[in-house]
């Protein structure tokens, strides 16, 4: 995540990067202990925003990039559901070789 976004969300430094990774790791471990399903990408994105907010101003964060990330998360579930449903429908209705075909 950090390699992909680089400095597009907020400015990174070694200490900020360490804080982001440590915050994300602690979140993942705590969620695992509580048997919660979370995404490591969501954790690192949240940690990046939190670290950026520690700069003391809202302008330290590129909110357009954050909005694109959140939109991607929101649109992922319906899109994957539609694709999975279509593939299941195709596979269920595909011809099955070696079985007798009953025509009504």
PDB file of N, CA and C in Angstrom:
ATOM      1  N   UNK A   1       0.822  -1.186   0.000  1.00  0.00           N
ATOM      2  CA  UNK A   1       0.000   0.000   0.000  1.00  0.00           C
ATOM      3  C   UNK A   1       0.866   1.250   0.000  1.00  0.00           C
ATOM      4  N   UNK A   2       1.877   1.258   0.843  1.00  0.00           N
ATOM      5  CA  UNK A   2       2.717   2.447   0.928  1.00  0.00           C
ATOM      6  C   UNK A   2       3.530   2.614  -0.345  1.00  0.00           C
ATOM      7  N   UNK A   3       3.953   1.494  -0.939  1.00  0.00           N
ATOM      8  CA  UNK A   3       4.687   1.590  -2.189  1.00  0.00           C
ATOM      9  C   UNK A   3       3.802   2.063  -3.329  1.00  0.00           C
ATOM     10  N   UNK A   4       2.542   1.672  -3.302  1.00  0.00           N
ATOM     11  CA  UNK A   4       1.609   2.054  -4.361  1.00  0.00           C
ATOM     12  C   UNK A   4       1.237   3.523  -4.279  1.00  0.00           C
ATOM     13  N   UNK A   5       0.912   3.993  -3.104  1.00  0.00           N
ATOM     14  CA  UNK A   5       0.432   5.365  -2.968  1.00  0.00           C
ATOM     15  C   UNK A   5       1.551   6.370  -2.732  1.00  0.00           C
ATOM     16  N   UNK A   6       2.654   5.906  -2.158  1.00  0.00           N
ATOM     17  CA  UNK A   6       3.776   6.806  -1.933  1.00  0.00           C
ATOM     18  C   UNK A   6       3.372   8.026  -1.135  1.00  0.00           C
ATOM     19  N   UNK A   7       3.694   9.178  -1.646  1.00  0.00           N
ATOM     20  CA  UNK A   7       3.375  10.429  -0.968  1.00  0.00           C
ATOM     21  C   UNK A   7       2.089  11.052  -1.483  1.00  0.00           C
ATOM     22  N   UNK A   8       1.226  10.277  -2.107  1.00  0.00           N
ATOM     23  CA  UNK A   8      -0.005  10.851  -2.656  1.00  0.00           C
ATOM     24  C   UNK A   8      -1.038  11.153  -1.581  1.00  0.00           C
ATOM     25  N   UNK A   9      -1.045  10.415  -0.474  1.00  0.00           N
ATOM     26  CA  UNK A   9      -2.009  10.699   0.592  1.00  0.00           C
ATOM     27  C   UNK A   9      -1.461  11.785   1.509  1.00  0.00           C
ATOM     28  N   UNK A  10      -0.289  11.582   2.027  1.00  0.00           N
ATOM     29  CA  UNK A  10       0.361  12.550   2.910  1.00  0.00           C
ATOM     30  C   UNK A  10       1.866  12.339   2.802  1.00  0.00           C
ATOM     31  N   UNK A  11       2.625  13.296   3.252  1.00  0.00           N
ATOM     32  CA  UNK A  11       4.074  13.168   3.173  1.00  0.00           C
ATOM     33  C   UNK A  11       4.563  12.076   4.115  1.00  0.00           C
ATOM     34  N   UNK A  12       5.502  11.272   3.636  1.00  0.00           N
ATOM     35  CA  UNK A  12       6.040  10.172   4.418  1.00  0.00           C
ATOM     36  C   UNK A  12       7.472  10.496   4.823  1.00  0.00           C
ATOM     37  N   UNK A  13       7.846  10.014   5.964  1.00  0.00           N
ATOM     38  CA  UNK A  13       9.231  10.036   6.424  1.00  0.00           C
ATOM     39  C   UNK A  13       9.473   8.683   7.083  1.00  0.00           C
ATOM     40  N   UNK A  14      10.710   8.330   7.375  1.00  0.00           N
ATOM     41  CA  UNK A  14      10.924   7.028   8.025  1.00  0.00           C
ATOM     42  C   UNK A  14      10.161   6.876   9.347  1.00  0.00           C
ATOM     43  N   UNK A  15      10.127   7.925  10.157  1.00  0.00           N
ATOM     44  CA  UNK A  15       9.412   7.811  11.436  1.00  0.00           C
ATOM     45  C   UNK A  15       7.901   7.721  11.220  1.00  0.00           C
ATOM     46  N   UNK A  16       7.386   8.476  10.262  1.00  0.00           N
ATOM     47  CA  UNK A  16       5.950   8.385   9.963  1.00  0.00           C
ATOM     48  C   UNK A  16       5.608   7.021   9.382  1.00  0.00           C
ATOM     49  N   UNK A  17       6.458   6.515   8.496  1.00  0.00           N
ATOM     50  CA  UNK A  17       6.228   5.189   7.927  1.00  0.00           C
ATOM     51  C   UNK A  17       6.213   4.112   8.999  1.00  0.00           C
ATOM     52  N   UNK A  18       7.136   4.224   9.959  1.00  0.00           N
ATOM     53  CA  UNK A  18       7.162   3.272  11.065  1.00  0.00           C
ATOM     54  C   UNK A  18       5.878   3.359  11.878  1.00  0.00           C
ATOM     55  N   UNK A  19       5.432   4.575  12.160  1.00  0.00           N
ATOM     56  CA  UNK A  19       4.195   4.761  12.926  1.00  0.00           C
ATOM     57  C   UNK A  19       2.999   4.174  12.186  1.00  0.00           C
ATOM     58  N   UNK A  20       2.951   4.381  10.868  1.00  0.00           N
ATOM     59  CA  UNK A  20       1.845   3.847  10.070  1.00  0.00           C
ATOM     60  C   UNK A  20       1.833   2.325  10.099  1.00  0.00           C
ATOM     61  N   UNK A  21       2.989   1.726   9.877  1.00  0.00           N
ATOM     62  CA  UNK A  21       3.068   0.266   9.846  1.00  0.00           C
ATOM     63  C   UNK A  21       2.782  -0.337  11.218  1.00  0.00           C
ATOM     64  N   UNK A  22       3.305   0.285  12.273  1.00  0.00           N
ATOM     65  CA  UNK A  22       3.066  -0.231  13.620  1.00  0.00           C
ATOM     66  C   UNK A  22       1.592  -0.106  14.004  1.00  0.00           C
ATOM     67  N   UNK A  23       0.984   1.026  13.693  1.00  0.00           N
ATOM     68  CA  UNK A  23      -0.442   1.192  13.976  1.00  0.00           C
ATOM     69  C   UNK A  23      -1.294   0.189  13.224  1.00  0.00           C
ATOM     70  N   UNK A  24      -0.933  -0.053  11.981  1.00  0.00           N
ATOM     71  CA  UNK A  24      -1.664  -1.033  11.180  1.00  0.00           C
ATOM     72  C   UNK A  24      -1.487  -2.438  11.745  1.00  0.00           C
ATOM     73  N   UNK A  25      -0.267  -2.787  12.118  1.00  0.00           N
ATOM     74  CA  UNK A  25      -0.001  -4.121  12.658  1.00  0.00           C
ATOM     75  C   UNK A  25      -0.743  -4.344  13.975  1.00  0.00           C
ATOM     76  N   UNK A  26      -0.752  -3.336  14.836  1.00  0.00           N
ATOM     77  CA  UNK A  26      -1.468  -3.465  16.107  1.00  0.00           C
ATOM     78  C   UNK A  26      -2.966  -3.640  15.854  1.00  0.00           C
ATOM     79  N   UNK A  27      -3.505  -2.908  14.889  1.00  0.00           N
ATOM     80  CA  UNK A  27      -4.929  -3.042  14.556  1.00  0.00           C
ATOM     81  C   UNK A  27      -5.254  -4.442  14.058  1.00  0.00           C
ATOM     82  N   UNK A  28      -4.391  -4.993  13.213  1.00  0.00           N
ATOM     83  CA  UNK A  28      -4.624  -6.336  12.672  1.00  0.00           C
ATOM     84  C   UNK A  28      -4.556  -7.376  13.786  1.00  0.00           C
ATOM     85  N   UNK A  29      -3.572  -7.258  14.669  1.00  0.00           N
ATOM     86  CA  UNK A  29      -3.432  -8.224  15.762  1.00  0.00           C
ATOM     87  C   UNK A  29      -4.627  -8.142  16.711  1.00  0.00           C
ATOM     88  N   UNK A  30      -5.042  -6.935  17.054  1.00  0.00           N
ATOM     89  CA  UNK A  30      -6.194  -6.784  17.949  1.00  0.00           C
ATOM     90  C   UNK A  30      -7.462  -7.349  17.312  1.00  0.00           C
ATOM     91  N   UNK A  31      -7.658  -7.099  16.028  1.00  0.00           N
ATOM     92  CA  UNK A  31      -8.841  -7.630  15.346  1.00  0.00           C
ATOM     93  C   UNK A  31      -8.795  -9.154  15.272  1.00  0.00           C
ATOM     94  N   UNK A  32      -7.607  -9.703  15.056  1.00  0.00           N
ATOM     95  CA  UNK A  32      -7.480 -11.159  15.015  1.00  0.00           C
ATOM     96  C   UNK A  32      -7.803 -11.770  16.375  1.00  0.00           C
ATOM     97  N   UNK A  33      -7.370 -11.130  17.442  1.00  0.00           N
ATOM     98  CA  UNK A  33      -7.664 -11.625  18.789  1.00  0.00           C
ATOM     99  C   UNK A  33      -9.162 -11.573  19.092  1.00  0.00           C
ATOM    100  N   UNK A  34      -9.861 -10.606  18.487  1.00  0.00           N
ATOM    101  CA  UNK A  34     -11.301 -10.465  18.699  1.00  0.00           C
ATOM    102  C   UNK A  34     -12.117 -11.210  17.643  1.00  0.00           C
ATOM    103  N   UNK A  35     -11.444 -11.934  16.754  1.00  0.00           N
ATOM    104  CA  UNK A  35     -12.079 -12.706  15.677  1.00  0.00           C
ATOM    105  C   UNK A  35     -12.887 -11.810  14.744  1.00  0.00           C
ATOM    106  N   UNK A  36     -12.358 -10.622  14.452  1.00  0.00           N
ATOM    107  CA  UNK A  36     -13.000  -9.700  13.515  1.00  0.00           C
ATOM    108  C   UNK A  36     -12.348  -9.818  12.149  1.00  0.00           C
ATOM    109  N   UNK A  37     -13.142  -9.667  11.120  1.00  0.00           N
ATOM    110  CA  UNK A  37     -12.619  -9.703   9.760  1.00  0.00           C
ATOM    111  C   UNK A  37     -12.293  -8.286   9.317  1.00  0.00           C
ATOM    112  N   UNK A  38     -11.025  -8.011   9.098  1.00  0.00           N
ATOM    113  CA  UNK A  38     -10.614  -6.696   8.624  1.00  0.00           C
ATOM    114  C   UNK A  38      -9.609  -6.872   7.503  1.00  0.00           C
ATOM    115  N   UNK A  39      -9.409  -5.823   6.759  1.00  0.00           N
ATOM    116  CA  UNK A  39      -8.460  -5.826   5.658  1.00  0.00           C
ATOM    117  C   UNK A  39      -7.207  -5.066   6.077  1.00  0.00           C
ATOM    118  N   UNK A  40      -6.056  -5.623   5.757  1.00  0.00           N
ATOM    119  CA  UNK A  40      -4.812  -4.924   6.073  1.00  0.00           C
ATOM    120  C   UNK A  40      -4.692  -3.642   5.263  1.00  0.00           C
ATOM    121  N   UNK A  41      -5.275  -3.618   4.075  1.00  0.00           N
ATOM    122  CA  UNK A  41      -5.259  -2.394   3.270  1.00  0.00           C
ATOM    123  C   UNK A  41      -6.053  -1.293   3.955  1.00  0.00           C
ATOM    124  N   UNK A  42      -7.183  -1.641   4.532  1.00  0.00           N
ATOM    125  CA  UNK A  42      -7.968  -0.649   5.264  1.00  0.00           C
ATOM    126  C   UNK A  42      -7.209  -0.158   6.490  1.00  0.00           C
ATOM    127  N   UNK A  43      -6.507  -1.061   7.153  1.00  0.00           N
ATOM    128  CA  UNK A  43      -5.743  -0.670   8.341  1.00  0.00           C
ATOM    129  C   UNK A  43      -4.632   0.305   7.987  1.00  0.00           C
ATOM    130  N   UNK A  44      -3.876   0.021   6.932  1.00  0.00           N
ATOM    131  CA  UNK A  44      -2.764   0.906   6.586  1.00  0.00           C
ATOM    132  C   UNK A  44      -3.283   2.232   6.045  1.00  0.00           C
ATOM    133  N   UNK A  45      -4.415   2.209   5.361  1.00  0.00           N
ATOM    134  CA  UNK A  45      -4.998   3.470   4.882  1.00  0.00           C
ATOM    135  C   UNK A  45      -5.448   4.330   6.052  1.00  0.00           C
ATOM    136  N   UNK A  46      -6.096   3.722   7.021  1.00  0.00           N
ATOM    137  CA  UNK A  46      -6.512   4.456   8.209  1.00  0.00           C
ATOM    138  C   UNK A  46      -5.329   4.971   9.007  1.00  0.00           C
ATOM    139  N   UNK A  47      -4.285   4.162   9.111  1.00  0.00           N
ATOM    140  CA  UNK A  47      -3.089   4.592   9.829  1.00  0.00           C
ATOM    141  C   UNK A  47      -2.402   5.746   9.105  1.00  0.00           C
ATOM    142  N   UNK A  48      -2.430   5.721   7.778  1.00  0.00           N
ATOM    143  CA  UNK A  48      -1.834   6.810   7.003  1.00  0.00           C
ATOM    144  C   UNK A  48      -2.600   8.104   7.221  1.00  0.00           C
ATOM    145  N   UNK A  49      -3.917   8.022   7.217  1.00  0.00           N
ATOM    146  CA  UNK A  49      -4.733   9.214   7.473  1.00  0.00           C
ATOM    147  C   UNK A  49      -4.493   9.713   8.895  1.00  0.00           C
ATOM    148  N   UNK A  50      -4.450   8.805   9.856  1.00  0.00           N
ATOM    149  CA  UNK A  50      -4.208   9.203  11.239  1.00  0.00           C
ATOM    150  C   UNK A  50      -2.859   9.872  11.426  1.00  0.00           C
ATOM    151  N   UNK A  51      -1.839   9.343  10.777  1.00  0.00           N
ATOM    152  CA  UNK A  51      -0.513   9.948  10.864  1.00  0.00           C
ATOM    153  C   UNK A  51      -0.496  11.302  10.180  1.00  0.00           C
ATOM    154  N   UNK A  52      -1.196  11.414   9.068  1.00  0.00           N
ATOM    155  CA  UNK A  52      -1.271  12.705   8.382  1.00  0.00           C
ATOM    156  C   UNK A  52      -1.989  13.752   9.211  1.00  0.00           C
ATOM    157  N   UNK A  53      -3.019  13.334   9.947  1.00  0.00           N
ATOM    158  CA  UNK A  53      -3.748  14.274  10.802  1.00  0.00           C
ATOM    159  C   UNK A  53      -2.892  14.773  11.963  1.00  0.00           C
ATOM    160  N   UNK A  54      -1.874  14.005  12.333  1.00  0.00           N
ATOM    161  CA  UNK A  54      -0.982  14.435  13.415  1.00  0.00           C
ATOM    162  C   UNK A  54      -0.122  15.628  13.004  1.00  0.00           C
ATOM    163  N   UNK A  55      -0.127  15.981  11.732  1.00  0.00           N
ATOM    164  CA  UNK A  55       0.606  17.171  11.284  1.00  0.00           C
ATOM    165  C   UNK A  55      -0.061  18.442  11.793  1.00  0.00           C
ATOM    166  N   UNK A  56      -1.302  18.341  12.240  1.00  0.00           N
ATOM    167  CA  UNK A  56      -1.979  19.474  12.851  1.00  0.00           C
ATOM    168  C   UNK A  56      -2.921  20.222  11.938  1.00  0.00           C
ATOM    169  N   UNK A  57      -3.031  19.815  10.693  1.00  0.00           N
ATOM    170  CA  UNK A  57      -3.936  20.495   9.769  1.00  0.00           C
ATOM    171  C   UNK A  57      -4.609  19.477   8.855  1.00  0.00           C
ATOM    172  N   UNK A  58      -5.827  19.804   8.432  1.00  0.00           N
ATOM    173  CA  UNK A  58      -6.568  18.936   7.517  1.00  0.00           C
ATOM    174  C   UNK A  58      -5.950  18.948   6.129  1.00  0.00           C
ATOM    175  N   UNK A  59      -5.208  19.977   5.812  1.00  0.00           N
ATOM    176  CA  UNK A  59      -4.624  20.111   4.479  1.00  0.00           C
ATOM    177  C   UNK A  59      -3.413  19.209   4.267  1.00  0.00           C
ATOM    178  N   UNK A  60      -2.976  18.529   5.300  1.00  0.00           N
ATOM    179  CA  UNK A  60      -1.834  17.621   5.174  1.00  0.00           C
ATOM    180  C   UNK A  60      -2.213  16.338   4.443  1.00  0.00           C
ATOM    181  N   UNK A  61      -3.512  16.124   4.245  1.00  0.00           N
ATOM    182  CA  UNK A  61      -3.996  14.890   3.624  1.00  0.00           C
ATOM    183  C   UNK A  61      -4.655  15.224   2.298  1.00  0.00           C
ATOM    184  N   UNK A  62      -4.371  14.412   1.292  1.00  0.00           N
ATOM    185  CA  UNK A  62      -5.010  14.552  -0.014  1.00  0.00           C
ATOM    186  C   UNK A  62      -6.338  13.795   0.042  1.00  0.00           C
ATOM    187  N   UNK A  63      -7.414  14.515   0.310  1.00  0.00           N
ATOM    188  CA  UNK A  63      -8.718  13.893   0.516  1.00  0.00           C
ATOM    189  C   UNK A  63      -9.288  13.308  -0.765  1.00  0.00           C
ATOM    190  N   UNK A  64      -8.842  13.773  -1.912  1.00  0.00           N
ATOM    191  CA  UNK A  64      -9.320  13.212  -3.178  1.00  0.00           C
ATOM    192  C   UNK A  64      -8.852  11.763  -3.322  1.00  0.00           C
ATOM    193  N   UNK A  65      -7.608  11.498  -2.950  1.00  0.00           N
ATOM    194  CA  UNK A  65      -7.089  10.126  -3.016  1.00  0.00           C
ATOM    195  C   UNK A  65      -7.825   9.238  -2.012  1.00  0.00           C
ATOM    196  N   UNK A  66      -8.065   9.748  -0.821  1.00  0.00           N
ATOM    197  CA  UNK A  66      -8.805   8.983   0.191  1.00  0.00           C
ATOM    198  C   UNK A  66     -10.214   8.674  -0.305  1.00  0.00           C
ATOM    199  N   UNK A  67     -10.860   9.639  -0.942  1.00  0.00           N
ATOM    200  CA  UNK A  67     -12.209   9.412  -1.479  1.00  0.00           C
ATOM    201  C   UNK A  67     -12.192   8.324  -2.548  1.00  0.00           C
ATOM    202  N   UNK A  68     -11.168   8.316  -3.392  1.00  0.00           N
ATOM    203  CA  UNK A  68     -11.054   7.266  -4.418  1.00  0.00           C
ATOM    204  C   UNK A  68     -10.870   5.891  -3.779  1.00  0.00           C
ATOM    205  N   UNK A  69     -10.073   5.827  -2.724  1.00  0.00           N
ATOM    206  CA  UNK A  69      -9.865   4.553  -2.024  1.00  0.00           C
ATOM    207  C   UNK A  69     -11.180   4.067  -1.416  1.00  0.00           C
ATOM    208  N   UNK A  70     -11.896   4.940  -0.720  1.00  0.00           N
ATOM    209  CA  UNK A  70     -13.167   4.554  -0.107  1.00  0.00           C
ATOM    210  C   UNK A  70     -14.200   4.158  -1.158  1.00  0.00           C
ATOM    211  N   UNK A  71     -14.245   4.878  -2.271  1.00  0.00           N
ATOM    212  CA  UNK A  71     -15.170   4.523  -3.346  1.00  0.00           C
ATOM    213  C   UNK A  71     -14.846   3.131  -3.883  1.00  0.00           C
ATOM    214  N   UNK A  72     -13.564   2.833  -4.010  1.00  0.00           N
ATOM    215  CA  UNK A  72     -13.161   1.498  -4.459  1.00  0.00           C
ATOM    216  C   UNK A  72     -13.628   0.411  -3.510  1.00  0.00           C
ATOM    217  N   UNK A  73     -13.543   0.676  -2.217  1.00  0.00           N
ATOM    218  CA  UNK A  73     -14.010  -0.305  -1.238  1.00  0.00           C
ATOM    219  C   UNK A  73     -15.513  -0.490  -1.322  1.00  0.00           C
ATOM    220  N   UNK A  74     -16.245   0.591  -1.503  1.00  0.00           N
ATOM    221  CA  UNK A  74     -17.708   0.516  -1.556  1.00  0.00           C
ATOM    222  C   UNK A  74     -18.177  -0.219  -2.806  1.00  0.00           C
ATOM    223  N   UNK A  75     -17.547   0.038  -3.936  1.00  0.00           N
ATOM    224  CA  UNK A  75     -17.995  -0.534  -5.206  1.00  0.00           C
ATOM    225  C   UNK A  75     -17.527  -1.986  -5.390  1.00  0.00           C
ATOM    226  N   UNK A  76     -16.537  -2.418  -4.612  1.00  0.00           N
ATOM    227  CA  UNK A  76     -15.995  -3.766  -4.770  1.00  0.00           C
ATOM    228  C   UNK A  76     -17.032  -4.839  -4.476  1.00  0.00           C
ATOM    229  N   UNK A  77     -17.773  -4.704  -3.401  1.00  0.00           N
ATOM    230  CA  UNK A  77     -18.721  -5.748  -3.003  1.00  0.00           C
ATOM    231  C   UNK A  77     -19.815  -5.993  -4.039  1.00  0.00           C
ATOM    232  N   UNK A  78     -20.515  -4.969  -4.534  1.00  0.00           N
ATOM    233  CA  UNK A  78     -21.534  -5.249  -5.549  1.00  0.00           C
ATOM    234  C   UNK A  78     -20.946  -5.791  -6.852  1.00  0.00           C
ATOM    235  N   UNK A  79     -19.800  -5.266  -7.251  1.00  0.00           N
ATOM    236  CA  UNK A  79     -19.202  -5.736  -8.516  1.00  0.00           C
ATOM    237  C   UNK A  79     -18.797  -7.200  -8.426  1.00  0.00           C
ATOM    238  N   UNK A  80     -18.151  -7.587  -7.334  1.00  0.00           N
ATOM    239  CA  UNK A  80     -17.756  -8.985  -7.206  1.00  0.00           C
ATOM    240  C   UNK A  80     -18.971  -9.895  -7.069  1.00  0.00           C
ATOM    241  N   UNK A  81     -20.031  -9.416  -6.432  1.00  0.00           N
ATOM    242  CA  UNK A  81     -21.259 -10.203  -6.339  1.00  0.00           C
ATOM    243  C   UNK A  81     -21.890 -10.439  -7.700  1.00  0.00           C
ATOM    244  N   UNK A  82     -21.930  -9.401  -8.520  1.00  0.00           N
ATOM    245  CA  UNK A  82     -22.498  -9.529  -9.870  1.00  0.00           C
ATOM    246  C   UNK A  82     -21.658 -10.473 -10.716  1.00  0.00           C
ATOM    247  N   UNK A  83     -20.344 -10.313 -10.678  1.00  0.00           N
ATOM    248  CA  UNK A  83     -19.461 -11.180 -11.469  1.00  0.00           C
ATOM    249  C   UNK A  83     -19.594 -12.626 -11.011  1.00  0.00           C
ATOM    250  N   UNK A  84     -19.594 -12.855  -9.700  1.00  0.00           N
ATOM    251  CA  UNK A  84     -19.718 -14.211  -9.171  1.00  0.00           C
ATOM    252  C   UNK A  84     -21.062 -14.833  -9.535  1.00  0.00           C
ATOM    253  N   UNK A  85     -22.135 -14.055  -9.437  1.00  0.00           N
ATOM    254  CA  UNK A  85     -23.454 -14.563  -9.811  1.00  0.00           C
ATOM    255  C   UNK A  85     -23.535 -14.932 -11.278  1.00  0.00           C
ATOM    256  N   UNK A  86     -22.967 -14.091 -12.139  1.00  0.00           N
ATOM    257  CA  UNK A  86     -22.965 -14.387 -13.580  1.00  0.00           C
ATOM    258  C   UNK A  86     -22.170 -15.646 -13.883  1.00  0.00           C
ATOM    259  N   UNK A  87     -20.994 -15.778 -13.273  1.00  0.00           N
ATOM    260  CA  UNK A  87     -20.187 -16.978 -13.507  1.00  0.00           C
ATOM    261  C   UNK A  87     -20.882 -18.231 -12.990  1.00  0.00           C
ATOM    262  N   UNK A  88     -21.532 -18.139 -11.843  1.00  0.00           N
ATOM    263  CA  UNK A  88     -22.265 -19.289 -11.316  1.00  0.00           C
ATOM    264  C   UNK A  88     -23.410 -19.673 -12.244  1.00  0.00           C
ATOM    265  N   UNK A  89     -24.140 -18.684 -12.743  1.00  0.00           N
ATOM    266  CA  UNK A  89     -25.224 -18.962 -13.683  1.00  0.00           C
ATOM    267  C   UNK A  89     -24.729 -19.621 -14.956  1.00  0.00           C
ATOM    268  N   UNK A  90     -23.602 -19.166 -15.465  1.00  0.00           N
ATOM    269  CA  UNK A  90     -23.026 -19.766 -16.677  1.00  0.00           C
ATOM    270  C   UNK A  90     -22.603 -21.201 -16.408  1.00  0.00           C
ATOM    271  N   UNK A  91     -21.931 -21.432 -15.281  1.00  0.00           N
ATOM    272  CA  UNK A  91     -21.445 -22.780 -14.983  1.00  0.00           C
ATOM    273  C   UNK A  91     -22.577 -23.752 -14.677  1.00  0.00           C
ATOM    274  N   UNK A  92     -23.624 -23.292 -14.018  1.00  0.00           N
ATOM    275  CA  UNK A  92     -24.748 -24.180 -13.715  1.00  0.00           C
ATOM    276  C   UNK A  92     -25.488 -24.563 -14.990  1.00  0.00           C
ATOM    277  N   UNK A  93     -25.610 -23.642 -15.917  1.00  0.00           N
ATOM    278  CA  UNK A  93     -26.365 -23.896 -17.142  1.00  0.00           C
ATOM    279  C   UNK A  93     -25.500 -24.354 -18.302  1.00  0.00           C
ATOM    280  N   UNK A  94     -24.229 -24.616 -18.054  1.00  0.00           N
ATOM    281  CA  UNK A  94     -23.344 -25.092 -19.119  1.00  0.00           C
ATOM    282  C   UNK A  94     -23.672 -26.552 -19.433  1.00  0.00           C
ATOM    283  N   UNK A  95     -23.417 -26.962 -20.674  1.00  0.00           N
ATOM    284  CA  UNK A  95     -23.665 -28.370 -21.004  1.00  0.00           C
ATOM    285  C   UNK A  95     -22.732 -29.274 -20.203  1.00  0.00           C
ATOM    286  N   UNK A  96     -23.280 -30.382 -19.743  1.00  0.00           N
ATOM    287  CA  UNK A  96     -22.494 -31.324 -18.956  1.00  0.00           C
ATOM    288  C   UNK A  96     -22.285 -32.567 -19.797  1.00  0.00           C
ATOM    289  N   UNK A  97     -21.036 -32.847 -20.094  1.00  0.00           N
ATOM    290  CA  UNK A  97     -20.701 -33.976 -20.949  1.00  0.00           C
ATOM    291  C   UNK A  97     -20.768 -35.271 -20.155  1.00  0.00           C
ATOM    292  N   UNK A  98     -21.256 -36.307 -20.790  1.00  0.00           N
ATOM    293  CA  UNK A  98     -21.351 -37.606 -20.147  1.00  0.00           C
ATOM    294  C   UNK A  98     -22.661 -37.832 -19.419  1.00  0.00           C
ATOM    295  N   UNK A  99     -23.539 -36.864 -19.445  1.00  0.00           N
ATOM    296  CA  UNK A  99     -24.834 -37.019 -18.792  1.00  0.00           C
ATOM    297  C   UNK A  99     -25.922 -36.914 -19.850  1.00  0.00           C
ATOM    298  N   UNK A 100     -26.980 -37.639 -19.618  1.00  0.00           N
ATOM    299  CA  UNK A 100     -28.091 -37.623 -20.562  1.00  0.00           C
ATOM    300  C   UNK A 100     -28.815 -36.287 -20.474  1.00  0.00           C
ATOM    301  N   UNK A 101     -29.184 -35.774 -21.618  1.00  0.00           N
ATOM    302  CA  UNK A 101     -29.905 -34.514 -21.671  1.00  0.00           C
ATOM    303  C   UNK A 101     -31.385 -34.831 -21.799  1.00  0.00           C
ATOM    304  N   UNK A 102     -32.176 -34.318 -20.884  1.00  0.00           N
ATOM    305  CA  UNK A 102     -33.614 -34.544 -20.898  1.00  0.00           C
ATOM    306  C   UNK A 102     -34.268 -33.314 -21.504  1.00  0.00           C
ATOM    307  N   UNK A 103     -35.019 -33.533 -22.587  1.00  0.00           N
ATOM    308  CA  UNK A 103     -35.704 -32.435 -23.252  1.00  0.00           C
ATOM    309  C   UNK A 103     -37.193 -32.580 -22.981  1.00  0.00           C
ATOM    310  N   UNK A 104     -37.808 -31.527 -22.529  1.00  0.00           N
ATOM    311  CA  UNK A 104     -39.240 -31.554 -22.243  1.00  0.00           C
ATOM    312  C   UNK A 104     -40.016 -31.033 -23.396  1.00  0.00           C
TER     313      UNK A 104
END
